[in-house]
Protein backbone atom coordinates (compact mmCIF):
# COMPACT_ATOMS: atom_id res chain seq x y z
CA UNK A 1 19.11 -51.32 -1.89
CA UNK A 2 22.52 -52.88 -2.98
CA UNK A 3 22.60 -53.79 -6.51
CA UNK A 4 22.72 -57.12 -7.39
CA UNK A 5 25.49 -58.02 -10.14
CA UNK A 6 26.36 -60.83 -12.12
CA UNK A 7 29.58 -62.04 -12.71
CA UNK A 8 29.26 -60.86 -16.25
CA UNK A 9 28.78 -57.65 -15.49
CA UNK A 10 31.64 -57.48 -13.28
CA UNK A 11 33.71 -58.70 -16.46
CA UNK A 12 31.96 -56.00 -18.60
CA UNK A 13 32.67 -53.32 -16.28
CA UNK A 14 36.29 -54.19 -16.40
CA UNK A 15 36.05 -54.00 -20.21
CA UNK A 16 34.50 -50.70 -19.68
CA UNK A 17 32.73 -49.09 -16.70
CA UNK A 18 30.27 -47.30 -19.40
CA UNK A 19 28.74 -50.75 -19.88
CA UNK A 20 27.64 -50.67 -16.16
CA UNK A 21 26.01 -47.45 -16.70
CA UNK A 22 24.27 -48.58 -19.79
CA UNK A 23 23.07 -51.72 -18.61
CA UNK A 24 22.34 -50.64 -14.64
CA UNK A 25 21.26 -47.15 -15.43
CA UNK A 26 19.63 -47.01 -18.86
CA UNK A 27 18.34 -50.50 -18.47
CA UNK A 28 20.12 -51.24 -22.51
CA UNK A 29 20.97 -54.53 -23.25
CA UNK A 30 23.29 -56.07 -25.67
CA UNK A 31 22.11 -57.86 -28.47
CA UNK A 32 23.35 -61.47 -29.21
CA UNK A 33 25.96 -61.78 -31.86
CA UNK A 34 27.25 -64.83 -33.80
CA UNK A 35 30.39 -64.75 -31.58
CA UNK A 36 28.00 -65.31 -28.42
CA UNK A 37 25.86 -67.87 -29.99
CA UNK A 38 29.02 -69.80 -31.04
CA UNK A 39 30.40 -69.23 -27.56
CA UNK A 40 27.24 -70.91 -26.07
CA UNK A 41 27.92 -74.10 -28.29
CA UNK A 42 31.45 -74.31 -26.88
CA UNK A 43 30.49 -74.57 -23.61
CA UNK A 44 29.14 -78.33 -24.32
CA UNK A 45 30.51 -81.07 -21.84
CA UNK A 46 32.94 -82.97 -23.86
CA UNK A 47 35.09 -79.39 -24.57
CA UNK A 48 36.77 -79.87 -21.00
CA UNK A 49 36.92 -83.62 -21.16
CA UNK A 50 41.18 -82.60 -21.61
CA UNK A 51 41.30 -80.70 -18.45
CA UNK A 52 39.53 -83.07 -15.90
CA UNK A 53 42.45 -85.15 -15.55
CA UNK A 54 45.03 -82.49 -14.96
CA UNK A 55 42.95 -81.21 -12.08
CA UNK A 56 42.42 -84.47 -10.75
CA UNK A 57 38.74 -83.92 -10.75
CA UNK A 58 36.34 -86.58 -9.37
CA UNK A 59 33.48 -84.73 -9.73
CA UNK A 60 32.33 -82.08 -12.43
CA UNK A 61 29.10 -79.68 -11.83
CA UNK A 62 27.71 -77.80 -14.83
CA UNK A 63 26.05 -74.58 -14.92
CA UNK A 64 26.21 -74.18 -10.88
CA UNK A 65 23.92 -71.17 -10.08
CA UNK A 66 25.22 -69.05 -7.35
CA UNK A 67 24.42 -66.14 -5.19
CA UNK A 68 25.19 -63.88 -2.44
CA UNK A 69 24.09 -60.72 -0.92
CA UNK A 70 25.74 -58.50 -4.69
CA UNK A 71 26.69 -61.23 -6.55
CA UNK A 72 24.83 -63.59 -8.75
CA UNK A 73 25.99 -66.13 -11.50
CA UNK A 74 26.09 -69.63 -13.20
CA UNK A 75 29.48 -70.90 -13.59
CA UNK A 76 30.07 -73.12 -16.82
CA UNK A 77 31.61 -76.02 -14.90
CA UNK A 78 32.87 -76.42 -11.55
CA UNK A 79 35.50 -79.19 -10.95
CA UNK A 80 35.59 -80.95 -7.44
CA UNK A 81 39.14 -82.25 -6.64
CA UNK A 82 40.05 -85.37 -4.65
CA UNK A 83 40.99 -83.14 -2.13
CA UNK A 84 37.52 -81.24 -1.71
CA UNK A 85 38.58 -78.21 -3.52
CA UNK A 86 36.23 -76.44 -5.98
CA UNK A 87 37.59 -75.07 -9.13
CA UNK A 88 35.58 -72.80 -11.16
CA UNK A 89 36.16 -73.17 -14.73
CA UNK A 90 35.15 -70.69 -17.16
CA UNK A 91 35.17 -71.42 -21.13
CA UNK A 92 35.69 -68.20 -23.35
CA UNK A 93 35.73 -68.61 -27.30
CA UNK A 94 39.15 -66.72 -28.04
CA UNK A 95 42.68 -66.68 -28.90
CA UNK A 96 44.74 -64.99 -26.23
CA UNK A 97 48.12 -65.17 -25.43
CA UNK A 98 47.65 -64.80 -21.69
CA UNK A 99 44.18 -64.38 -19.62
CA UNK A 100 42.47 -61.35 -20.27
CA UNK A 101 42.03 -59.07 -17.24
CA UNK A 102 38.27 -59.03 -17.36
CA UNK A 103 37.79 -62.79 -17.61
CA UNK A 104 40.02 -62.95 -14.53
CA UNK A 105 37.90 -60.73 -12.42
CA UNK A 106 34.57 -62.76 -13.62
CA UNK A 107 36.38 -65.81 -12.70
CA UNK A 108 37.37 -64.33 -9.27
CA UNK A 109 33.71 -63.49 -9.02
CA UNK A 110 32.81 -67.38 -9.52
CA UNK A 111 35.08 -68.34 -6.93
CA UNK A 112 33.99 -65.64 -4.56
CA UNK A 113 30.40 -66.73 -5.11
CA UNK A 114 31.39 -70.33 -4.41
CA UNK A 115 33.12 -69.44 -0.72
CA UNK A 116 30.53 -67.75 0.16
CA UNK A 117 28.31 -70.86 -0.27
CA UNK A 118 30.88 -72.55 1.85
CA UNK A 119 32.94 -74.31 -0.59
CA UNK A 120 36.82 -74.41 -0.57
CA UNK A 121 38.33 -72.41 -3.79
CA UNK A 122 42.17 -72.07 -4.07
CA UNK A 123 42.33 -71.59 -8.03
CA UNK A 124 40.01 -71.41 -11.23
CA UNK A 125 40.57 -72.33 -14.83
CA UNK A 126 40.25 -69.99 -17.90
CA UNK A 127 39.85 -72.22 -20.87
CA UNK A 128 40.00 -70.79 -24.03
CA UNK A 129 38.95 -72.45 -26.88
CA UNK A 130 39.41 -71.54 -30.76
CA UNK A 131 39.51 -73.30 -33.95
CA UNK A 132 42.86 -74.24 -33.84
CA UNK A 133 42.93 -75.47 -30.03
CA UNK A 134 42.24 -74.61 -26.74
CA UNK A 135 44.60 -73.13 -24.08
CA UNK A 136 44.19 -73.51 -20.33
CA UNK A 137 45.48 -70.97 -17.57
CA UNK A 138 45.21 -71.94 -13.86
CA UNK A 139 44.44 -68.66 -12.07
CA UNK A 140 45.44 -68.75 -8.15
CA UNK A 141 42.60 -66.95 -6.39
CA UNK A 142 44.59 -64.64 -3.89
CA UNK A 143 43.90 -61.98 -1.89
CA UNK A 144 45.14 -59.50 -3.91
CA UNK A 145 42.74 -60.68 -6.64
CA UNK A 146 39.94 -60.99 -4.16
CA UNK A 147 40.28 -56.97 -3.29
CA UNK A 148 40.49 -56.32 -7.05
CA UNK A 149 36.98 -57.68 -7.29
CA UNK A 150 35.57 -55.86 -4.45
CA UNK A 151 37.13 -52.68 -5.83
CA UNK A 152 35.52 -53.51 -9.10
CA UNK A 153 32.27 -53.81 -7.34
CA UNK A 154 32.69 -50.45 -5.49
CA UNK A 155 33.31 -48.72 -8.71
CA UNK A 156 30.25 -50.41 -10.05
CA UNK A 157 28.31 -49.25 -7.34
CA UNK A 158 29.38 -45.51 -7.65
CA UNK A 159 29.02 -45.72 -11.48
CA UNK A 160 25.33 -46.26 -11.07
CA UNK A 161 25.00 -43.61 -8.50
CA UNK A 162 26.02 -41.09 -10.46
CA UNK A 163 29.81 -41.41 -10.84
CA UNK A 164 29.82 -42.30 -14.63
CA UNK A 165 31.55 -38.81 -15.55
CA UNK A 166 34.79 -39.94 -13.57
CA UNK A 167 35.10 -43.39 -14.89
CA UNK A 168 38.16 -43.77 -16.92
CA UNK A 169 36.89 -45.50 -20.61
CA UNK A 170 39.75 -46.78 -23.06
CA UNK A 171 38.32 -45.36 -26.22
CA UNK A 172 40.62 -48.02 -27.86
CA UNK A 173 38.49 -50.60 -26.81
CA UNK A 174 35.18 -48.92 -28.43
CA UNK A 175 35.72 -50.40 -32.03
CA UNK A 176 35.27 -53.81 -30.69
CA UNK A 177 32.57 -53.49 -28.23
CA UNK A 178 29.12 -54.85 -28.59
CA UNK A 179 27.75 -51.80 -26.88
CA UNK A 180 29.39 -49.28 -29.02
CA UNK A 181 26.14 -48.50 -31.20
CA UNK A 182 23.87 -47.78 -27.99
CA UNK A 183 26.76 -45.86 -26.04
CA UNK A 184 25.72 -41.98 -25.02
CA UNK A 185 29.23 -41.92 -23.30
CA UNK A 186 32.04 -42.79 -25.62
CA UNK A 187 34.20 -39.88 -26.20
CA UNK A 188 32.37 -37.59 -24.22
CA UNK A 189 33.88 -38.89 -21.11
CA UNK A 190 37.07 -37.02 -19.95
CA UNK A 191 39.97 -39.36 -19.47
């Protein structure tokens, strides 16, 4: 049976494949942090009002649930342009100078889900909100990005079928990981 991953699972796997192992093999779940609760608050509709005219959106869909054979997810917003393109918009509470790789892959998962439902997608938006303001990044949904996403999903399947010992864990990320207290792998993996 093919596992059904969420777009968040994809993001977490890019951050660290040990999270895939912990959630899909060991059944562990992340406890909600204050940071995550605040992230839910910033996803309210008014937060994206400045983006709508920049994209020429004629329709905004909030919280669109999507699923195909191997992925599921609920994209924060989908902006429909006057040209009929669908633009997934993912809101993040963060202060990056550039889009984070894990967030780009998560956005590409939403794009793939929209495409598999028959909606045309050319780009997505990562919208980072922080106390001092916001930053918008347009991400082109390219063939290369789609290939990266397929490779991540294949790697996730490999990890849950017993390939965790071959996974590459960047231990520099461990101090900032919400799973670190539960992680049975951490420094035991070879790099």
